[in-house]
Amino acid sequence: MLRWCTQVSPDHQLIAVTQAANTRFRRLLEKLGLLAADHFVEYGQEQVLYTTAPSR
């Protein structure tokens, strides 16, 4: 899916947001090549925003 998205829209970033406590999903996102770009609090819990850099 990630490969398809980057081929179809190479100038766009993909993002994912998850709770910081969700370590299994965070490891999966990192394994898929996404990088933690921001931390913030929402819904009373720490969240982490992951992103891919757009291809140039």
N, C-alpha and C. Protein backbone atom coordinates (compact mmCIF):
# COMPACT_ATOMS: atom_id res chain seq x y z
N MET A 1 0.82 -1.19 0.00
CA MET A 1 0.00 0.00 0.00
C MET A 1 0.87 1.25 0.00
N LEU A 2 1.89 1.26 0.86
CA LEU A 2 2.77 2.43 0.91
C LEU A 2 3.47 2.65 -0.43
N ARG A 3 3.95 1.58 -1.04
CA ARG A 3 4.62 1.69 -2.33
C ARG A 3 3.65 2.25 -3.38
N TRP A 4 2.44 1.77 -3.40
CA TRP A 4 1.44 2.25 -4.35
C TRP A 4 1.17 3.73 -4.15
N CYS A 5 0.99 4.14 -2.90
CA CYS A 5 0.71 5.55 -2.59
C CYS A 5 1.84 6.46 -3.05
N THR A 6 3.07 6.04 -2.82
CA THR A 6 4.19 6.89 -3.23
C THR A 6 4.36 6.91 -4.74
N GLN A 7 3.93 5.87 -5.43
CA GLN A 7 3.98 5.87 -6.89
C GLN A 7 2.89 6.75 -7.48
N VAL A 8 1.69 6.68 -6.90
CA VAL A 8 0.55 7.45 -7.42
C VAL A 8 0.69 8.93 -7.09
N SER A 9 1.15 9.25 -5.89
CA SER A 9 1.28 10.65 -5.46
C SER A 9 2.66 10.89 -4.84
N PRO A 10 3.71 10.91 -5.66
CA PRO A 10 5.06 11.01 -5.11
C PRO A 10 5.35 12.34 -4.40
N ASP A 11 4.59 13.36 -4.65
CA ASP A 11 4.83 14.67 -4.03
C ASP A 11 4.08 14.86 -2.72
N HIS A 12 3.38 13.86 -2.26
CA HIS A 12 2.61 13.97 -1.03
C HIS A 12 3.23 13.11 0.07
N GLN A 13 3.09 13.58 1.29
CA GLN A 13 3.55 12.82 2.44
C GLN A 13 2.42 11.93 2.94
N LEU A 14 2.79 10.77 3.44
CA LEU A 14 1.84 9.91 4.12
C LEU A 14 2.01 10.17 5.61
N ILE A 15 0.89 10.22 6.34
CA ILE A 15 0.98 10.44 7.77
C ILE A 15 0.16 9.40 8.51
N ALA A 16 0.57 9.15 9.74
CA ALA A 16 -0.17 8.27 10.64
C ALA A 16 -0.03 8.85 12.04
N VAL A 17 -1.08 8.75 12.84
CA VAL A 17 -1.05 9.23 14.21
C VAL A 17 -1.50 8.09 15.11
N THR A 18 -0.77 7.89 16.19
CA THR A 18 -1.10 6.86 17.16
C THR A 18 -0.72 7.33 18.56
N GLN A 19 -1.28 6.68 19.55
CA GLN A 19 -0.90 7.01 20.92
C GLN A 19 0.53 6.55 21.17
N ALA A 20 1.27 7.35 21.93
CA ALA A 20 2.66 7.01 22.25
C ALA A 20 2.74 5.65 22.94
N ALA A 21 1.73 5.30 23.71
CA ALA A 21 1.72 4.03 24.45
C ALA A 21 1.52 2.82 23.54
N ASN A 22 1.12 3.02 22.30
CA ASN A 22 0.84 1.93 21.38
C ASN A 22 2.16 1.48 20.71
N THR A 23 3.01 0.84 21.49
CA THR A 23 4.35 0.51 21.01
C THR A 23 4.37 -0.47 19.84
N ARG A 24 3.45 -1.40 19.81
CA ARG A 24 3.42 -2.37 18.69
C ARG A 24 3.15 -1.67 17.36
N PHE A 25 2.16 -0.78 17.34
CA PHE A 25 1.85 -0.08 16.10
C PHE A 25 2.97 0.89 15.74
N ARG A 26 3.59 1.52 16.73
CA ARG A 26 4.70 2.42 16.47
C ARG A 26 5.86 1.66 15.83
N ARG A 27 6.17 0.47 16.33
CA ARG A 27 7.23 -0.34 15.73
C ARG A 27 6.89 -0.72 14.29
N LEU A 28 5.62 -1.04 14.04
CA LEU A 28 5.20 -1.37 12.68
C LEU A 28 5.40 -0.18 11.75
N LEU A 29 4.97 1.00 12.19
CA LEU A 29 5.14 2.19 11.36
C LEU A 29 6.61 2.45 11.06
N GLU A 30 7.47 2.27 12.05
CA GLU A 30 8.90 2.48 11.84
C GLU A 30 9.47 1.42 10.91
N LYS A 31 9.00 0.20 11.03
CA LYS A 31 9.45 -0.88 10.15
C LYS A 31 9.05 -0.59 8.70
N LEU A 32 7.91 0.08 8.52
CA LEU A 32 7.45 0.44 7.19
C LEU A 32 8.14 1.68 6.63
N GLY A 33 9.00 2.30 7.45
CA GLY A 33 9.78 3.43 6.96
C GLY A 33 9.27 4.80 7.36
N LEU A 34 8.22 4.87 8.16
CA LEU A 34 7.74 6.16 8.62
C LEU A 34 8.59 6.63 9.80
N LEU A 35 8.71 7.94 9.94
CA LEU A 35 9.53 8.54 10.99
C LEU A 35 8.66 9.35 11.92
N ALA A 36 8.95 9.29 13.22
CA ALA A 36 8.24 10.11 14.19
C ALA A 36 8.60 11.57 13.92
N ALA A 37 7.60 12.40 13.65
CA ALA A 37 7.84 13.80 13.29
C ALA A 37 7.37 14.77 14.36
N ASP A 38 6.44 14.34 15.23
CA ASP A 38 5.90 15.25 16.23
C ASP A 38 5.26 14.46 17.36
N HIS A 39 5.28 15.05 18.54
CA HIS A 39 4.58 14.51 19.71
C HIS A 39 3.64 15.59 20.21
N PHE A 40 2.43 15.22 20.62
CA PHE A 40 1.48 16.20 21.13
C PHE A 40 0.45 15.47 21.99
N VAL A 41 -0.31 16.23 22.75
CA VAL A 41 -1.34 15.64 23.60
C VAL A 41 -2.69 15.93 22.97
N GLU A 42 -3.49 14.88 22.83
CA GLU A 42 -4.85 15.01 22.30
C GLU A 42 -5.68 13.92 22.97
N TYR A 43 -6.91 14.23 23.27
CA TYR A 43 -7.81 13.30 23.97
C TYR A 43 -7.21 12.86 25.30
N GLY A 44 -6.40 13.74 25.91
CA GLY A 44 -5.81 13.46 27.20
C GLY A 44 -4.66 12.47 27.18
N GLN A 45 -4.18 12.10 26.00
CA GLN A 45 -3.09 11.13 25.87
C GLN A 45 -2.01 11.67 24.93
N GLU A 46 -0.76 11.27 25.18
CA GLU A 46 0.32 11.66 24.28
C GLU A 46 0.17 10.91 22.96
N GLN A 47 0.26 11.65 21.88
CA GLN A 47 0.15 11.11 20.52
C GLN A 47 1.47 11.29 19.80
N VAL A 48 1.71 10.46 18.80
CA VAL A 48 2.90 10.59 17.96
C VAL A 48 2.44 10.64 16.51
N LEU A 49 2.92 11.62 15.79
CA LEU A 49 2.63 11.76 14.36
C LEU A 49 3.82 11.22 13.58
N TYR A 50 3.55 10.28 12.70
CA TYR A 50 4.57 9.70 11.84
C TYR A 50 4.35 10.17 10.42
N THR A 51 5.44 10.28 9.67
CA THR A 51 5.32 10.73 8.29
C THR A 51 6.43 10.14 7.43
N THR A 52 6.18 10.15 6.14
CA THR A 52 7.22 9.82 5.17
C THR A 52 7.57 11.14 4.48
N ALA A 53 8.80 11.26 4.06
CA ALA A 53 9.20 12.44 3.30
C ALA A 53 8.71 12.25 1.87
N PRO A 54 8.23 13.32 1.23
CA PRO A 54 7.80 13.18 -0.17
C PRO A 54 9.00 12.88 -1.06
N SER A 55 8.81 12.06 -2.07
CA SER A 55 9.88 11.76 -3.02
C SER A 55 10.10 12.97 -3.91
N ARG A 56 11.30 13.21 -4.24
CA ARG A 56 11.62 14.35 -5.12
C ARG A 56 12.37 13.87 -6.33
